[in-house]
Every structure is written in structure tokens, then in C-alpha cells.
């Protein structure tokens, strides 16, 4: 199994994720592209000591970019939206 710190890459803190956090107690993370829902759930529970009820994952495809005449694209990545039990909070996300 992958170490939990290698599964969760970074929190995604946006206006939309902040509104979801307040309304439905969900938190959004950028995760390893190879991680599955079970590994993401276990990683969040182990790192933050909370109870996870649900995990939704989304594959985000990299956007095409140009630098002069050179064309390329950003790398693909995966996003996870994690729903916690009511009453549980992740202190690092509080703004």
C-alpha cells in the first residue's frame, strides 16, 4: 500500500470547495492519479483522525498550452471530494 502522505498531494482550497465545506461538510484534495477510493478514505482517516462517509473522485485532464511555437499540455491529475461525518472537522482547512 502507498504511504498516506503520498496519496494526498495537496488540499484544493477554492471558493467552490469552501462553500461545499460549510454546506455539506466535504473537503477537496488533489490526490495521486493511481489512488483508489478505498486508499483515499484510509489516508484521510489516518492523517486527520476523522471518520469518512463518502469519497467521490474525478479525473482532471491537462489543458493544452503553448509557449511560442511549442505546443504541449499540462499533466493529468485526480481530484477527490471527501464527505466527513457531521461534527468532524479538518483544522488545516479552516479559513
N, C-alpha and C. Protein backbone atom coordinates (compact mmCIF):
# COMPACT_ATOMS: atom_id res chain seq x y z
N UNK A 1 0.84 -1.19 0.00
CA UNK A 1 0.00 0.00 0.00
C UNK A 1 0.88 1.25 0.00
N UNK A 2 0.43 2.27 -0.66
CA UNK A 2 1.13 3.54 -0.73
C UNK A 2 1.01 4.24 0.62
N UNK A 3 2.06 4.95 1.04
CA UNK A 3 2.01 5.71 2.29
C UNK A 3 0.95 6.80 2.17
N UNK A 4 0.16 7.05 3.24
CA UNK A 4 -0.92 8.04 3.17
C UNK A 4 -0.48 9.43 2.72
N UNK A 5 0.73 9.83 3.09
CA UNK A 5 1.22 11.16 2.68
C UNK A 5 1.50 11.22 1.18
N UNK A 6 1.71 10.07 0.54
CA UNK A 6 1.93 10.05 -0.91
C UNK A 6 0.62 9.98 -1.68
N UNK A 7 -0.47 9.65 -1.01
CA UNK A 7 -1.78 9.60 -1.66
C UNK A 7 -2.38 11.00 -1.73
N UNK A 8 -2.39 11.71 -0.61
CA UNK A 8 -2.92 13.08 -0.57
C UNK A 8 -1.79 14.03 -0.94
N UNK A 9 -1.91 14.67 -2.09
CA UNK A 9 -0.85 15.56 -2.57
C UNK A 9 -1.01 16.95 -1.99
N UNK A 10 -2.22 17.51 -2.07
CA UNK A 10 -2.45 18.87 -1.59
C UNK A 10 -3.94 19.11 -1.40
N UNK A 11 -4.31 19.99 -0.47
CA UNK A 11 -5.71 20.39 -0.39
C UNK A 11 -6.04 21.36 -1.51
N UNK A 12 -7.26 21.31 -2.01
CA UNK A 12 -7.72 22.26 -3.02
C UNK A 12 -8.65 23.25 -2.32
N UNK A 13 -8.16 24.46 -2.15
CA UNK A 13 -8.94 25.48 -1.46
C UNK A 13 -9.37 26.51 -2.49
N UNK A 14 -10.64 26.45 -2.87
CA UNK A 14 -11.22 27.38 -3.83
C UNK A 14 -12.50 27.93 -3.23
N UNK A 15 -13.09 28.88 -3.91
CA UNK A 15 -14.35 29.44 -3.45
C UNK A 15 -15.44 28.37 -3.42
N UNK A 16 -15.48 27.55 -4.45
CA UNK A 16 -16.49 26.49 -4.54
C UNK A 16 -16.27 25.42 -3.46
N UNK A 17 -15.03 25.00 -3.24
CA UNK A 17 -14.79 23.98 -2.22
C UNK A 17 -15.05 24.53 -0.82
N UNK A 18 -14.82 25.82 -0.62
CA UNK A 18 -15.15 26.44 0.67
C UNK A 18 -16.63 26.46 0.94
N UNK A 19 -17.42 26.73 -0.09
CA UNK A 19 -18.88 26.71 0.06
C UNK A 19 -19.38 25.30 0.33
N UNK A 20 -18.80 24.30 -0.36
CA UNK A 20 -19.18 22.90 -0.11
C UNK A 20 -18.80 22.47 1.29
N UNK A 21 -17.67 22.94 1.77
CA UNK A 21 -17.21 22.59 3.10
C UNK A 21 -18.20 23.05 4.16
N UNK A 22 -18.69 24.28 4.03
CA UNK A 22 -19.63 24.81 5.00
C UNK A 22 -21.00 24.17 4.88
N UNK A 23 -21.46 23.93 3.65
CA UNK A 23 -22.82 23.43 3.44
C UNK A 23 -22.95 21.93 3.71
N UNK A 24 -22.01 21.13 3.22
CA UNK A 24 -22.19 19.67 3.29
C UNK A 24 -21.04 18.94 3.98
N UNK A 25 -20.13 19.65 4.63
CA UNK A 25 -19.00 19.05 5.36
C UNK A 25 -18.15 18.18 4.43
N UNK A 26 -17.84 18.68 3.23
CA UNK A 26 -16.98 17.98 2.29
C UNK A 26 -15.68 18.76 2.10
N UNK A 27 -14.61 18.01 1.88
CA UNK A 27 -13.29 18.60 1.69
C UNK A 27 -12.72 18.08 0.37
N UNK A 28 -11.97 18.93 -0.33
CA UNK A 28 -11.46 18.58 -1.65
C UNK A 28 -9.93 18.49 -1.60
N UNK A 29 -9.39 17.41 -2.18
CA UNK A 29 -7.95 17.17 -2.21
C UNK A 29 -7.49 16.86 -3.62
N UNK A 30 -6.26 17.25 -3.92
CA UNK A 30 -5.57 16.75 -5.10
C UNK A 30 -4.87 15.48 -4.65
N UNK A 31 -5.13 14.36 -5.35
CA UNK A 31 -4.62 13.06 -4.91
C UNK A 31 -3.79 12.41 -6.02
N UNK A 32 -3.09 11.36 -5.65
CA UNK A 32 -2.30 10.59 -6.61
C UNK A 32 -3.22 10.00 -7.67
N UNK A 33 -2.78 10.03 -8.91
CA UNK A 33 -3.62 9.56 -10.01
C UNK A 33 -3.85 8.05 -9.93
N UNK A 34 -2.98 7.33 -9.21
CA UNK A 34 -3.11 5.88 -9.08
C UNK A 34 -3.93 5.46 -7.86
N UNK A 35 -4.30 6.39 -7.00
CA UNK A 35 -5.02 6.05 -5.77
C UNK A 35 -6.49 5.75 -6.07
N UNK A 36 -7.04 4.77 -5.35
CA UNK A 36 -8.46 4.47 -5.50
C UNK A 36 -9.22 5.03 -4.29
N UNK A 37 -10.54 4.89 -4.30
CA UNK A 37 -11.37 5.50 -3.26
C UNK A 37 -11.07 4.92 -1.87
N UNK A 38 -10.81 3.63 -1.80
CA UNK A 38 -10.53 3.00 -0.51
C UNK A 38 -9.23 3.54 0.08
N UNK A 39 -8.19 3.66 -0.74
CA UNK A 39 -6.91 4.19 -0.26
C UNK A 39 -7.05 5.65 0.16
N UNK A 40 -7.83 6.43 -0.57
CA UNK A 40 -8.04 7.84 -0.22
C UNK A 40 -8.76 7.94 1.11
N UNK A 41 -9.79 7.13 1.31
CA UNK A 41 -10.54 7.13 2.57
C UNK A 41 -9.63 6.78 3.74
N UNK A 42 -8.83 5.74 3.61
CA UNK A 42 -7.93 5.32 4.68
C UNK A 42 -6.88 6.39 4.97
N UNK A 43 -6.37 7.05 3.93
CA UNK A 43 -5.36 8.09 4.12
C UNK A 43 -5.93 9.28 4.88
N UNK A 44 -7.13 9.74 4.52
CA UNK A 44 -7.74 10.88 5.21
C UNK A 44 -8.02 10.51 6.67
N UNK A 45 -8.54 9.31 6.91
CA UNK A 45 -8.84 8.90 8.28
C UNK A 45 -7.58 8.79 9.13
N UNK A 46 -6.48 8.28 8.55
CA UNK A 46 -5.24 8.13 9.32
C UNK A 46 -4.55 9.46 9.57
N UNK A 47 -4.51 10.34 8.57
CA UNK A 47 -3.77 11.59 8.71
C UNK A 47 -4.52 12.58 9.61
N UNK A 48 -5.83 12.72 9.43
CA UNK A 48 -6.59 13.76 10.12
C UNK A 48 -7.43 13.25 11.28
N UNK A 49 -7.46 11.95 11.54
CA UNK A 49 -8.22 11.34 12.65
C UNK A 49 -9.69 11.74 12.60
N UNK A 50 -10.32 11.52 11.45
CA UNK A 50 -11.74 11.80 11.26
C UNK A 50 -12.40 10.57 10.65
N UNK A 51 -13.73 10.54 10.63
CA UNK A 51 -14.49 9.45 10.03
C UNK A 51 -15.00 9.90 8.67
N UNK A 52 -14.63 9.18 7.61
CA UNK A 52 -15.03 9.50 6.24
C UNK A 52 -16.28 8.69 5.89
N UNK A 53 -17.31 9.37 5.40
CA UNK A 53 -18.54 8.70 4.98
C UNK A 53 -18.54 8.35 3.50
N UNK A 54 -17.98 9.23 2.66
CA UNK A 54 -18.07 9.04 1.22
C UNK A 54 -16.87 9.69 0.53
N UNK A 55 -16.45 9.08 -0.59
CA UNK A 55 -15.37 9.64 -1.41
C UNK A 55 -15.81 9.64 -2.86
N UNK A 56 -15.76 10.79 -3.51
CA UNK A 56 -16.01 10.91 -4.95
C UNK A 56 -14.71 11.34 -5.61
N UNK A 57 -14.36 10.69 -6.72
CA UNK A 57 -13.13 11.04 -7.43
C UNK A 57 -13.44 11.52 -8.83
N UNK A 58 -12.60 12.43 -9.32
CA UNK A 58 -12.76 13.00 -10.65
C UNK A 58 -11.39 13.01 -11.32
N UNK A 59 -11.29 12.46 -12.54
CA UNK A 59 -10.07 12.55 -13.33
C UNK A 59 -10.09 13.89 -14.05
N UNK A 60 -9.09 14.71 -13.82
CA UNK A 60 -8.97 16.00 -14.46
C UNK A 60 -7.91 15.89 -15.56
N UNK A 61 -8.30 16.19 -16.78
CA UNK A 61 -7.38 16.08 -17.90
C UNK A 61 -6.64 17.40 -18.08
N UNK A 62 -5.33 17.32 -18.36
CA UNK A 62 -4.49 18.50 -18.50
C UNK A 62 -4.90 19.35 -19.69
N UNK A 63 -4.80 20.65 -19.52
CA UNK A 63 -5.17 21.58 -20.58
C UNK A 63 -4.03 21.73 -21.58
N UNK A 64 -4.35 21.91 -22.85
CA UNK A 64 -3.29 22.18 -23.82
C UNK A 64 -2.74 23.60 -23.62
N UNK A 65 -1.44 23.73 -23.70
CA UNK A 65 -0.77 25.02 -23.51
C UNK A 65 0.25 25.21 -24.62
N UNK A 66 0.59 26.48 -24.90
CA UNK A 66 1.59 26.82 -25.91
C UNK A 66 2.60 27.78 -25.30
N UNK A 67 3.83 27.66 -25.77
CA UNK A 67 4.86 28.63 -25.45
C UNK A 67 5.53 28.96 -26.77
N UNK A 68 5.05 30.02 -27.40
CA UNK A 68 5.52 30.35 -28.74
C UNK A 68 5.06 29.31 -29.74
N UNK A 69 6.01 28.73 -30.45
CA UNK A 69 5.63 27.72 -31.43
C UNK A 69 5.57 26.32 -30.84
N UNK A 70 5.92 26.16 -29.58
CA UNK A 70 5.94 24.85 -28.95
C UNK A 70 4.61 24.56 -28.27
N UNK A 71 4.01 23.47 -28.65
CA UNK A 71 2.73 23.07 -28.07
C UNK A 71 2.95 21.92 -27.10
N UNK A 72 2.22 21.93 -26.03
CA UNK A 72 2.30 20.85 -25.04
C UNK A 72 1.01 20.84 -24.25
N UNK A 73 1.02 20.11 -23.17
CA UNK A 73 -0.15 20.12 -22.31
C UNK A 73 0.26 19.90 -20.87
N UNK A 74 -0.59 20.38 -19.97
CA UNK A 74 -0.38 20.18 -18.55
C UNK A 74 -0.64 18.71 -18.21
N UNK A 75 -0.06 18.21 -17.13
CA UNK A 75 -0.28 16.80 -16.80
C UNK A 75 -1.70 16.55 -16.29
N UNK A 76 -2.18 15.31 -16.49
CA UNK A 76 -3.47 14.90 -15.94
C UNK A 76 -3.31 14.75 -14.43
N UNK A 77 -4.42 14.93 -13.70
CA UNK A 77 -4.40 14.78 -12.25
C UNK A 77 -5.75 14.30 -11.77
N UNK A 78 -5.82 13.94 -10.49
CA UNK A 78 -7.06 13.42 -9.92
C UNK A 78 -7.46 14.25 -8.72
N UNK A 79 -8.76 14.49 -8.60
CA UNK A 79 -9.32 15.27 -7.51
C UNK A 79 -10.26 14.36 -6.72
N UNK A 80 -10.25 14.48 -5.39
CA UNK A 80 -11.14 13.69 -4.54
C UNK A 80 -11.95 14.62 -3.66
N UNK A 81 -13.26 14.40 -3.62
CA UNK A 81 -14.16 15.15 -2.75
C UNK A 81 -14.58 14.19 -1.64
N UNK A 82 -14.19 14.51 -0.40
CA UNK A 82 -14.36 13.62 0.74
C UNK A 82 -15.43 14.18 1.66
N UNK A 83 -16.44 13.38 1.97
CA UNK A 83 -17.50 13.78 2.89
C UNK A 83 -17.21 13.19 4.26
N UNK A 84 -17.23 14.05 5.29
CA UNK A 84 -16.95 13.61 6.66
C UNK A 84 -18.24 13.48 7.46
N UNK A 85 -18.15 12.73 8.55
CA UNK A 85 -19.27 12.59 9.47
C UNK A 85 -19.57 13.96 10.07
N UNK A 86 -20.84 14.23 10.35
CA UNK A 86 -21.21 15.53 10.92
C UNK A 86 -20.54 15.69 12.28
N UNK A 87 -19.98 16.85 12.50
CA UNK A 87 -19.25 17.11 13.73
C UNK A 87 -17.74 17.01 13.56
N UNK A 88 -17.28 16.25 12.58
CA UNK A 88 -15.85 16.14 12.31
C UNK A 88 -15.39 17.31 11.46
N UNK A 89 -14.20 17.82 11.75
CA UNK A 89 -13.63 18.93 11.01
C UNK A 89 -12.15 18.66 10.78
N UNK A 90 -11.61 19.24 9.72
CA UNK A 90 -10.17 19.22 9.47
C UNK A 90 -9.66 20.63 9.72
N UNK A 91 -8.84 20.79 10.75
CA UNK A 91 -8.42 22.11 11.19
C UNK A 91 -7.58 22.83 10.14
N UNK A 92 -6.82 22.10 9.33
CA UNK A 92 -5.95 22.73 8.34
C UNK A 92 -6.73 23.47 7.26
N UNK A 93 -7.99 23.13 7.07
CA UNK A 93 -8.81 23.75 6.03
C UNK A 93 -9.50 25.01 6.51
N UNK A 94 -9.59 25.24 7.80
CA UNK A 94 -10.34 26.37 8.32
C UNK A 94 -9.70 27.67 7.86
N UNK A 95 -10.53 28.55 7.31
CA UNK A 95 -10.03 29.83 6.78
C UNK A 95 -10.46 30.96 7.68
